[in-house]
C-alpha atoms as a PDB file:
ATOM      1  CA  UNK A   1      13.163 -16.896   1.195  1.00  0.00           C
ATOM      2  CA  UNK A   2       9.471 -17.282   2.050  1.00  0.00           C
ATOM      3  CA  UNK A   3       7.214 -14.161   1.245  1.00  0.00           C
ATOM      4  CA  UNK A   4       3.525 -13.648   2.018  1.00  0.00           C
ATOM      5  CA  UNK A   5       1.775 -11.047  -0.007  1.00  0.00           C
ATOM      6  CA  UNK A   6      -1.486  -9.588   1.076  1.00  0.00           C
ATOM      7  CA  UNK A   7      -3.787  -8.168  -1.557  1.00  0.00           C
ATOM      8  CA  UNK A   8      -2.058 -10.329  -4.122  1.00  0.00           C
ATOM      9  CA  UNK A   9      -5.064 -10.088  -6.658  1.00  0.00           C
ATOM     10  CA  UNK A  10      -4.632  -6.390  -7.076  1.00  0.00           C
ATOM     11  CA  UNK A  11      -2.549  -4.436  -9.974  1.00  0.00           C
ATOM     12  CA  UNK A  12       0.794  -4.676  -8.116  1.00  0.00           C
ATOM     13  CA  UNK A  13       0.436  -8.241  -6.729  1.00  0.00           C
ATOM     14  CA  UNK A  14      -0.261  -9.793 -10.021  1.00  0.00           C
ATOM     15  CA  UNK A  15       3.097  -8.595 -11.323  1.00  0.00           C
ATOM     16  CA  UNK A  16       4.925  -9.014  -8.086  1.00  0.00           C
ATOM     17  CA  UNK A  17       4.153 -12.613  -7.240  1.00  0.00           C
ATOM     18  CA  UNK A  18       5.442 -14.150 -10.425  1.00  0.00           C
ATOM     19  CA  UNK A  19       8.530 -11.825 -10.380  1.00  0.00           C
ATOM     20  CA  UNK A  20       9.474 -13.072  -7.094  1.00  0.00           C
ATOM     21  CA  UNK A  21       8.762 -16.642  -8.015  1.00  0.00           C
ATOM     22  CA  UNK A  22      11.069 -16.306 -10.970  1.00  0.00           C
ATOM     23  CA  UNK A  23      13.637 -15.306  -8.518  1.00  0.00           C
ATOM     24  CA  UNK A  24      13.409 -18.306  -6.741  1.00  0.00           C
ATOM     25  CA  UNK A  25      11.302 -17.264  -3.828  1.00  0.00           C
ATOM     26  CA  UNK A  26       8.417 -19.127  -2.283  1.00  0.00           C
ATOM     27  CA  UNK A  27       5.269 -16.888  -2.456  1.00  0.00           C
ATOM     28  CA  UNK A  28       2.057 -17.185  -0.590  1.00  0.00           C
ATOM     29  CA  UNK A  29      -0.852 -14.815  -1.464  1.00  0.00           C
ATOM     30  CA  UNK A  30      -3.858 -13.997   0.484  1.00  0.00           C
ATOM     31  CA  UNK A  31      -7.304 -13.251  -0.655  1.00  0.00           C
ATOM     32  CA  UNK A  32     -10.792 -13.184   0.865  1.00  0.00           C
ATOM     33  CA  UNK A  33     -11.519 -15.587  -2.120  1.00  0.00           C
ATOM     34  CA  UNK A  34      -8.774 -18.257  -1.940  1.00  0.00           C
ATOM     35  CA  UNK A  35     -10.285 -19.975  -4.747  1.00  0.00           C
ATOM     36  CA  UNK A  36      -8.583 -17.423  -6.910  1.00  0.00           C
ATOM     37  CA  UNK A  37      -5.578 -19.019  -8.871  1.00  0.00           C
ATOM     38  CA  UNK A  38      -2.151 -17.504  -9.618  1.00  0.00           C
ATOM     39  CA  UNK A  39       0.359 -19.835 -11.163  1.00  0.00           C
ATOM     40  CA  UNK A  40       3.132 -20.735  -8.512  1.00  0.00           C
ATOM     41  CA  UNK A  41       1.365 -18.847  -5.797  1.00  0.00           C
ATOM     42  CA  UNK A  42       0.147 -20.798  -2.796  1.00  0.00           C
ATOM     43  CA  UNK A  43      -3.144 -19.085  -2.028  1.00  0.00           C
ATOM     44  CA  UNK A  44      -4.558 -18.678   1.461  1.00  0.00           C
ATOM     45  CA  UNK A  45      -7.915 -17.059   2.801  1.00  0.00           C
ATOM     46  CA  UNK A  46      -7.244 -14.023   4.937  1.00  0.00           C
ATOM     47  CA  UNK A  47      -9.610 -11.113   5.980  1.00  0.00           C
ATOM     48  CA  UNK A  48      -6.912  -8.521   7.109  1.00  0.00           C
ATOM     49  CA  UNK A  49      -9.507  -6.748   9.500  1.00  0.00           C
ATOM     50  CA  UNK A  50     -10.339 -10.093  11.324  1.00  0.00           C
ATOM     51  CA  UNK A  51      -7.548 -11.154  13.753  1.00  0.00           C
ATOM     52  CA  UNK A  52      -8.312 -15.106  14.010  1.00  0.00           C
ATOM     53  CA  UNK A  53      -8.335 -14.866  10.195  1.00  0.00           C
ATOM     54  CA  UNK A  54      -4.693 -13.301  10.177  1.00  0.00           C
ATOM     55  CA  UNK A  55      -3.474 -15.804  12.770  1.00  0.00           C
ATOM     56  CA  UNK A  56      -4.667 -18.746  10.941  1.00  0.00           C
ATOM     57  CA  UNK A  57      -3.154 -17.576   7.742  1.00  0.00           C
ATOM     58  CA  UNK A  58       0.258 -16.909   9.429  1.00  0.00           C
ATOM     59  CA  UNK A  59       0.118 -20.296  11.372  1.00  0.00           C
ATOM     60  CA  UNK A  60      -0.644 -22.099   8.130  1.00  0.00           C
ATOM     61  CA  UNK A  61       2.530 -20.700   6.366  1.00  0.00           C
ATOM     62  CA  UNK A  62       4.637 -21.461   9.327  1.00  0.00           C
ATOM     63  CA  UNK A  63       3.609 -25.027   9.516  1.00  0.00           C
ATOM     64  CA  UNK A  64       4.043 -25.514   5.908  1.00  0.00           C
ATOM     65  CA  UNK A  65       7.334 -23.643   5.501  1.00  0.00           C
ATOM     66  CA  UNK A  66       8.657 -23.689   9.011  1.00  0.00           C
ATOM     67  CA  UNK A  67       9.345 -19.829   8.723  1.00  0.00           C
ATOM     68  CA  UNK A  68       8.188 -16.629   7.049  1.00  0.00           C
ATOM     69  CA  UNK A  69      10.929 -14.292   5.959  1.00  0.00           C
ATOM     70  CA  UNK A  70       8.789 -11.347   4.856  1.00  0.00           C
ATOM     71  CA  UNK A  71       5.408 -10.063   4.778  1.00  0.00           C
ATOM     72  CA  UNK A  72       4.402  -7.362   1.843  1.00  0.00           C
ATOM     73  CA  UNK A  73       1.104  -5.563   2.802  1.00  0.00           C
ATOM     74  CA  UNK A  74      -0.397  -4.646  -0.650  1.00  0.00           C
ATOM     75  CA  UNK A  75      -3.927  -4.346   0.444  1.00  0.00           C
ATOM     76  CA  UNK A  76      -5.381  -0.939  -0.458  1.00  0.00           C
ATOM     77  CA  UNK A  77      -8.654   0.926  -0.369  1.00  0.00           C
ATOM     78  CA  UNK A  78      -9.051   3.942  -2.117  1.00  0.00           C
ATOM     79  CA  UNK A  79     -12.327   5.937  -2.038  1.00  0.00           C
ATOM     80  CA  UNK A  80     -12.661   9.499  -4.014  1.00  0.00           C
ATOM     81  CA  UNK A  81     -14.976  11.961  -2.514  1.00  0.00           C
ATOM     82  CA  UNK A  82     -14.963  15.257  -0.630  1.00  0.00           C
ATOM     83  CA  UNK A  83     -15.401  15.131   3.348  1.00  0.00           C
ATOM     84  CA  UNK A  84     -18.904  16.229   2.836  1.00  0.00           C
ATOM     85  CA  UNK A  85     -19.534  13.447   0.382  1.00  0.00           C
ATOM     86  CA  UNK A  86     -17.463  10.452   1.978  1.00  0.00           C
ATOM     87  CA  UNK A  87     -19.602   8.794   4.708  1.00  0.00           C
ATOM     88  CA  UNK A  88     -18.309   8.042   8.042  1.00  0.00           C
ATOM     89  CA  UNK A  89     -18.836   4.371   7.192  1.00  0.00           C
ATOM     90  CA  UNK A  90     -16.750   4.584   3.981  1.00  0.00           C
ATOM     91  CA  UNK A  91     -13.912   6.656   5.939  1.00  0.00           C
ATOM     92  CA  UNK A  92     -13.780   3.959   8.562  1.00  0.00           C
ATOM     93  CA  UNK A  93     -13.676   1.198   6.104  1.00  0.00           C
ATOM     94  CA  UNK A  94     -10.744   2.780   4.649  1.00  0.00           C
ATOM     95  CA  UNK A  95      -8.979   3.032   7.880  1.00  0.00           C
ATOM     96  CA  UNK A  96     -10.129  -0.579   8.834  1.00  0.00           C
ATOM     97  CA  UNK A  97      -8.246  -1.725   5.416  1.00  0.00           C
ATOM     98  CA  UNK A  98      -5.453   0.699   5.103  1.00  0.00           C
ATOM     99  CA  UNK A  99      -4.360   1.280   8.637  1.00  0.00           C
ATOM    100  CA  UNK A 100      -5.959  -1.238  11.385  1.00  0.00           C
ATOM    101  CA  UNK A 101      -5.480  -4.116   8.786  1.00  0.00           C
ATOM    102  CA  UNK A 102      -1.846  -3.361   8.442  1.00  0.00           C
ATOM    103  CA  UNK A 103      -1.539  -2.963  12.143  1.00  0.00           C
ATOM    104  CA  UNK A 104      -3.141  -6.239  12.801  1.00  0.00           C
ATOM    105  CA  UNK A 105      -0.998  -8.098  10.253  1.00  0.00           C
ATOM    106  CA  UNK A 106       2.213  -6.237  11.824  1.00  0.00           C
ATOM    107  CA  UNK A 107       1.213  -6.916  15.232  1.00  0.00           C
ATOM    108  CA  UNK A 108       0.602 -10.713  14.693  1.00  0.00           C
ATOM    109  CA  UNK A 109       3.729 -11.567  12.493  1.00  0.00           C
ATOM    110  CA  UNK A 110       6.088 -10.043  15.033  1.00  0.00           C
ATOM    111  CA  UNK A 111       5.988 -13.023  17.572  1.00  0.00           C
ATOM    112  CA  UNK A 112       7.078 -15.084  14.543  1.00  0.00           C
ATOM    113  CA  UNK A 113       9.595 -12.840  13.551  1.00  0.00           C
ATOM    114  CA  UNK A 114      11.190 -12.569  17.164  1.00  0.00           C
ATOM    115  CA  UNK A 115      10.995 -16.291  17.538  1.00  0.00           C
ATOM    116  CA  UNK A 116      13.070 -16.503  14.183  1.00  0.00           C
ATOM    117  CA  UNK A 117      15.271 -13.610  15.186  1.00  0.00           C
ATOM    118  CA  UNK A 118      15.003 -12.101  11.892  1.00  0.00           C
ATOM    119  CA  UNK A 119      12.050 -10.699   9.349  1.00  0.00           C
ATOM    120  CA  UNK A 120      10.949  -8.006   7.131  1.00  0.00           C
ATOM    121  CA  UNK A 121       7.740  -5.906   7.068  1.00  0.00           C
ATOM    122  CA  UNK A 122       6.999  -4.041   3.821  1.00  0.00           C
ATOM    123  CA  UNK A 123       4.081  -1.767   4.096  1.00  0.00           C
ATOM    124  CA  UNK A 124       2.861  -0.187   0.552  1.00  0.00           C
ATOM    125  CA  UNK A 125       2.256   3.502   0.942  1.00  0.00           C
ATOM    126  CA  UNK A 126       2.230   6.124  -1.831  1.00  0.00           C
ATOM    127  CA  UNK A 127       2.653   9.682  -2.705  1.00  0.00           C
ATOM    128  CA  UNK A 128      -0.605  10.191  -0.948  1.00  0.00           C
ATOM    129  CA  UNK A 129       0.998   9.417   2.151  1.00  0.00           C
ATOM    130  CA  UNK A 130       3.141  12.623   1.922  1.00  0.00           C
ATOM    131  CA  UNK A 131       0.978  15.039   0.236  1.00  0.00           C
ATOM    132  CA  UNK A 132      -2.587  15.516   1.086  1.00  0.00           C
ATOM    133  CA  UNK A 133      -4.942  15.795  -1.959  1.00  0.00           C
ATOM    134  CA  UNK A 134      -8.453  17.234  -2.222  1.00  0.00           C
ATOM    135  CA  UNK A 135     -11.195  14.597  -2.692  1.00  0.00           C
ATOM    136  CA  UNK A 136      -8.684  11.976  -1.575  1.00  0.00           C
ATOM    137  CA  UNK A 137      -9.206  12.776   2.266  1.00  0.00           C
ATOM    138  CA  UNK A 138      -9.883   9.124   3.530  1.00  0.00           C
ATOM    139  CA  UNK A 139      -7.155   7.681   1.434  1.00  0.00           C
ATOM    140  CA  UNK A 140      -4.232  10.248   1.909  1.00  0.00           C
ATOM    141  CA  UNK A 141      -4.893  10.471   5.599  1.00  0.00           C
ATOM    142  CA  UNK A 142      -5.112   6.703   6.149  1.00  0.00           C
ATOM    143  CA  UNK A 143      -1.730   6.475   4.228  1.00  0.00           C
ATOM    144  CA  UNK A 144      -0.111   9.143   6.318  1.00  0.00           C
ATOM    145  CA  UNK A 145      -1.382   7.157   9.400  1.00  0.00           C
ATOM    146  CA  UNK A 146       0.161   3.907   7.969  1.00  0.00           C
ATOM    147  CA  UNK A 147       3.518   5.729   7.554  1.00  0.00           C
ATOM    148  CA  UNK A 148       3.387   7.268  11.159  1.00  0.00           C
ATOM    149  CA  UNK A 149       2.437   3.653  12.500  1.00  0.00           C
ATOM    150  CA  UNK A 150       5.178   1.963  10.458  1.00  0.00           C
ATOM    151  CA  UNK A 151       7.695   4.536  11.684  1.00  0.00           C
ATOM    152  CA  UNK A 152       6.861   3.902  15.353  1.00  0.00           C
ATOM    153  CA  UNK A 153       7.540   0.229  14.730  1.00  0.00           C
ATOM    154  CA  UNK A 154      10.535   0.975  12.920  1.00  0.00           C
ATOM    155  CA  UNK A 155      11.909   2.738  15.946  1.00  0.00           C
ATOM    156  CA  UNK A 156      10.690  -0.098  18.321  1.00  0.00           C
ATOM    157  CA  UNK A 157      12.636  -2.656  16.441  1.00  0.00           C
ATOM    158  CA  UNK A 158      15.893  -0.808  16.135  1.00  0.00           C
ATOM    159  CA  UNK A 159      18.724  -3.197  17.217  1.00  0.00           C
ATOM    160  CA  UNK A 160      16.801  -6.213  16.354  1.00  0.00           C
ATOM    161  CA  UNK A 161      17.101  -8.261  12.978  1.00  0.00           C
ATOM    162  CA  UNK A 162      13.542  -7.272  12.152  1.00  0.00           C
ATOM    163  CA  UNK A 163      13.253  -4.666   9.424  1.00  0.00           C
ATOM    164  CA  UNK A 164      10.388  -2.247   8.572  1.00  0.00           C
ATOM    165  CA  UNK A 165      10.201  -0.637   5.162  1.00  0.00           C
ATOM    166  CA  UNK A 166       7.631   1.747   3.767  1.00  0.00           C
ATOM    167  CA  UNK A 167       7.361   1.775  -0.167  1.00  0.00           C
ATOM    168  CA  UNK A 168       6.354   5.175  -1.665  1.00  0.00           C
ATOM    169  CA  UNK A 169       5.645   4.785  -5.367  1.00  0.00           C
ATOM    170  CA  UNK A 170       3.389   7.178  -7.382  1.00  0.00           C
ATOM    171  CA  UNK A 171       0.288   6.081  -9.255  1.00  0.00           C
ATOM    172  CA  UNK A 172       1.796   3.069 -11.548  1.00  0.00           C
ATOM    173  CA  UNK A 173       0.972   2.671 -15.039  1.00  0.00           C
ATOM    174  CA  UNK A 174      -1.802   0.274 -15.310  1.00  0.00           C
ATOM    175  CA  UNK A 175      -4.460   0.312 -18.093  1.00  0.00           C
ATOM    176  CA  UNK A 176      -7.860  -0.317 -16.354  1.00  0.00           C
ATOM    177  CA  UNK A 177     -11.217   1.276 -15.693  1.00  0.00           C
ATOM    178  CA  UNK A 178     -11.331   4.707 -13.915  1.00  0.00           C
ATOM    179  CA  UNK A 179     -13.287   2.950 -11.178  1.00  0.00           C
ATOM    180  CA  UNK A 180     -13.624  -0.523  -9.903  1.00  0.00           C
ATOM    181  CA  UNK A 181     -12.233  -2.538  -6.941  1.00  0.00           C
ATOM    182  CA  UNK A 182      -8.756  -0.584  -7.092  1.00  0.00           C
ATOM    183  CA  UNK A 183     -10.714   2.835  -6.915  1.00  0.00           C
ATOM    184  CA  UNK A 184     -14.245   3.625  -5.683  1.00  0.00           C
ATOM    185  CA  UNK A 185     -16.307   6.717  -5.937  1.00  0.00           C
ATOM    186  CA  UNK A 186     -18.146   7.717  -2.699  1.00  0.00           C
ATOM    187  CA  UNK A 187     -21.808   6.572  -2.817  1.00  0.00           C
ATOM    188  CA  UNK A 188     -22.924  10.277  -2.021  1.00  0.00           C
ATOM    189  CA  UNK A 189     -21.050  11.855  -4.855  1.00  0.00           C
ATOM    190  CA  UNK A 190     -23.610  13.941  -7.027  1.00  0.00           C
ATOM    191  CA  UNK A 191     -23.367  14.147 -10.823  1.00  0.00           C
ATOM    192  CA  UNK A 192     -21.997  17.760 -10.692  1.00  0.00           C
ATOM    193  CA  UNK A 193     -19.285  17.218  -7.929  1.00  0.00           C
ATOM    194  CA  UNK A 194     -15.645  17.874  -8.431  1.00  0.00           C
ATOM    195  CA  UNK A 195     -14.883  14.286  -7.228  1.00  0.00           C
ATOM    196  CA  UNK A 196     -15.550  13.178 -10.909  1.00  0.00           C
ATOM    197  CA  UNK A 197     -12.992  15.503 -12.194  1.00  0.00           C
ATOM    198  CA  UNK A 198     -10.468  13.780  -9.686  1.00  0.00           C
ATOM    199  CA  UNK A 199     -11.402  10.381 -10.931  1.00  0.00           C
ATOM    200  CA  UNK A 200     -10.687  11.379 -14.520  1.00  0.00           C
ATOM    201  CA  UNK A 201      -7.384  12.850 -13.203  1.00  0.00           C
ATOM    202  CA  UNK A 202      -6.413   9.726 -11.618  1.00  0.00           C
ATOM    203  CA  UNK A 203      -7.034   7.643 -14.652  1.00  0.00           C
ATOM    204  CA  UNK A 204      -4.904   9.931 -16.722  1.00  0.00           C
ATOM    205  CA  UNK A 205      -1.989   9.946 -14.380  1.00  0.00           C
ATOM    206  CA  UNK A 206      -2.322   6.166 -14.223  1.00  0.00           C
ATOM    207  CA  UNK A 207      -2.089   6.006 -17.884  1.00  0.00           C
ATOM    208  CA  UNK A 208       0.794   8.464 -18.211  1.00  0.00           C
ATOM    209  CA  UNK A 209       2.795   7.278 -15.304  1.00  0.00           C
ATOM    210  CA  UNK A 210       6.437   6.322 -15.985  1.00  0.00           C
ATOM    211  CA  UNK A 211       6.176   4.002 -12.859  1.00  0.00           C
ATOM    212  CA  UNK A 212       5.226   0.482 -13.767  1.00  0.00           C
ATOM    213  CA  UNK A 213       4.235  -2.529 -11.383  1.00  0.00           C
ATOM    214  CA  UNK A 214       7.278  -4.299 -12.680  1.00  0.00           C
ATOM    215  CA  UNK A 215       9.667  -1.502 -11.729  1.00  0.00           C
ATOM    216  CA  UNK A 216       7.981  -1.443  -8.227  1.00  0.00           C
ATOM    217  CA  UNK A 217       8.441  -5.294  -8.042  1.00  0.00           C
ATOM    218  CA  UNK A 218      12.036  -4.928  -9.003  1.00  0.00           C
ATOM    219  CA  UNK A 219      12.549  -2.386  -6.200  1.00  0.00           C
ATOM    220  CA  UNK A 220      10.705  -4.455  -3.782  1.00  0.00           C
ATOM    221  CA  UNK A 221      13.029  -7.379  -4.770  1.00  0.00           C
ATOM    222  CA  UNK A 222      16.014  -5.268  -3.992  1.00  0.00           C
ATOM    223  CA  UNK A 223      14.603  -4.583  -0.481  1.00  0.00           C
ATOM    224  CA  UNK A 224      14.017  -8.165   0.075  1.00  0.00           C
ATOM    225  CA  UNK A 225      17.656  -9.286  -0.751  1.00  0.00           C
ATOM    226  CA  UNK A 226      19.314  -6.163   0.621  1.00  0.00           C
ATOM    227  CA  UNK A 227      22.089  -7.014   2.974  1.00  0.00           C
ATOM    228  CA  UNK A 228      22.434  -4.929   6.094  1.00  0.00           C
ATOM    229  CA  UNK A 229      19.992  -2.543   7.596  1.00  0.00           C
ATOM    230  CA  UNK A 230      17.332  -1.579   5.060  1.00  0.00           C
ATOM    231  CA  UNK A 231      16.325   1.897   4.654  1.00  0.00           C
ATOM    232  CA  UNK A 232      12.999   2.698   6.266  1.00  0.00           C
ATOM    233  CA  UNK A 233      11.387   4.511   3.335  1.00  0.00           C
ATOM    234  CA  UNK A 234      11.961   3.699  -0.397  1.00  0.00           C
ATOM    235  CA  UNK A 235      10.796   6.468  -2.580  1.00  0.00           C
ATOM    236  CA  UNK A 236       9.953   6.356  -6.356  1.00  0.00           C
ATOM    237  CA  UNK A 237       9.210   8.905  -9.066  1.00  0.00           C
ATOM    238  CA  UNK A 238       7.700  12.080  -7.875  1.00  0.00           C
ATOM    239  CA  UNK A 239       7.499  10.741  -4.188  1.00  0.00           C
ATOM    240  CA  UNK A 240      10.999  12.107  -3.959  1.00  0.00           C
ATOM    241  CA  UNK A 241      10.067  15.685  -4.916  1.00  0.00           C
ATOM    242  CA  UNK A 242       6.699  15.573  -2.947  1.00  0.00           C
ATOM    243  CA  UNK A 243       8.856  14.772   0.253  1.00  0.00           C
ATOM    244  CA  UNK A 244      11.240  17.324  -0.346  1.00  0.00           C
ATOM    245  CA  UNK A 245       8.692  20.045  -0.915  1.00  0.00           C
ATOM    246  CA  UNK A 246       6.745  18.930   2.129  1.00  0.00           C
ATOM    247  CA  UNK A 247       9.749  19.431   4.373  1.00  0.00           C
ATOM    248  CA  UNK A 248      10.703  22.957   3.189  1.00  0.00           C
ATOM    249  CA  UNK A 249       8.157  24.615   1.187  1.00  0.00           C
ATOM    250  CA  UNK A 250       5.640  27.070   3.045  1.00  0.00           C
ATOM    251  CA  UNK A 251       1.958  26.343   2.556  1.00  0.00           C
ATOM    252  CA  UNK A 252       1.572  28.971  -0.173  1.00  0.00           C
ATOM    253  CA  UNK A 253       4.044  26.945  -2.387  1.00  0.00           C
ATOM    254  CA  UNK A 254       2.276  23.732  -1.802  1.00  0.00           C
ATOM    255  CA  UNK A 255      -0.976  25.436  -2.518  1.00  0.00           C
ATOM    256  CA  UNK A 256       0.363  26.573  -5.892  1.00  0.00           C
ATOM    257  CA  UNK A 257       1.835  23.153  -6.917  1.00  0.00           C
ATOM    258  CA  UNK A 258      -1.517  21.543  -6.189  1.00  0.00           C
ATOM    259  CA  UNK A 259      -3.494  23.996  -8.046  1.00  0.00           C
ATOM    260  CA  UNK A 260      -1.170  23.706 -11.288  1.00  0.00           C
ATOM    261  CA  UNK A 261      -1.265  19.732 -10.867  1.00  0.00           C
ATOM    262  CA  UNK A 262      -5.085  19.318 -10.485  1.00  0.00           C
ATOM    263  CA  UNK A 263      -7.868  19.769 -13.029  1.00  0.00           C
ATOM    264  CA  UNK A 264      -9.013  23.287 -13.486  1.00  0.00           C
ATOM    265  CA  UNK A 265     -11.634  24.312 -10.958  1.00  0.00           C
ATOM    266  CA  UNK A 266     -10.834  21.587  -8.404  1.00  0.00           C
ATOM    267  CA  UNK A 267      -9.134  24.276  -6.246  1.00  0.00           C
ATOM    268  CA  UNK A 268     -10.448  27.725  -6.503  1.00  0.00           C
END
């Protein structure tokens, strides 16, 4: 199986790629800096927000392998800040990466999949695609948009041999700095902003999470080798509970759950 992973240098990609290689798959990875090396991974340059860049990457894989069996979109941008703090440019960049980038990749891979009469698109969402969280407005709204776009595509492709799957893990257990390439604090956040509490909360949740990148990698592998029509959504951890609550609970219950789950003072 030939698999293309975007955003391969992130926290999940660094575990997912070697796991799939161990399982006998051919793995291509993309990065804006293709000089990045990962053992066994064939690295290619790609800027997911640039259509020619995406086209060139996909064409290269097909020329070298004759096909692409699956694309796994792991590129992710997370900016923490309130609506008042997050600039329009930061908000737009989140959507360019998390939504329009995924849309571009999905759109450009479809002619290849249709010619092959088979293929699989896996879009990485999160619990944030289900439940909106204060100070994560640009991120959670972009993930909700990603899910909606993916579901539209899922219905469009029904009756074909092309599957669309949305993965919904919660924050994974990764020991790394509170902010960095994986999480950014809005440039306009002030020292006394509640956004700082949310950064600390994210750090704690990540360290305490029972979901690891390896667990998510194993679940993705199950999706890749699944026989028959794959499920559209694959929920992991508390995403299952969040989804249930979102469907049946009144807003007052959701408000109560969030207030209990978030740091004191974030929600008055």
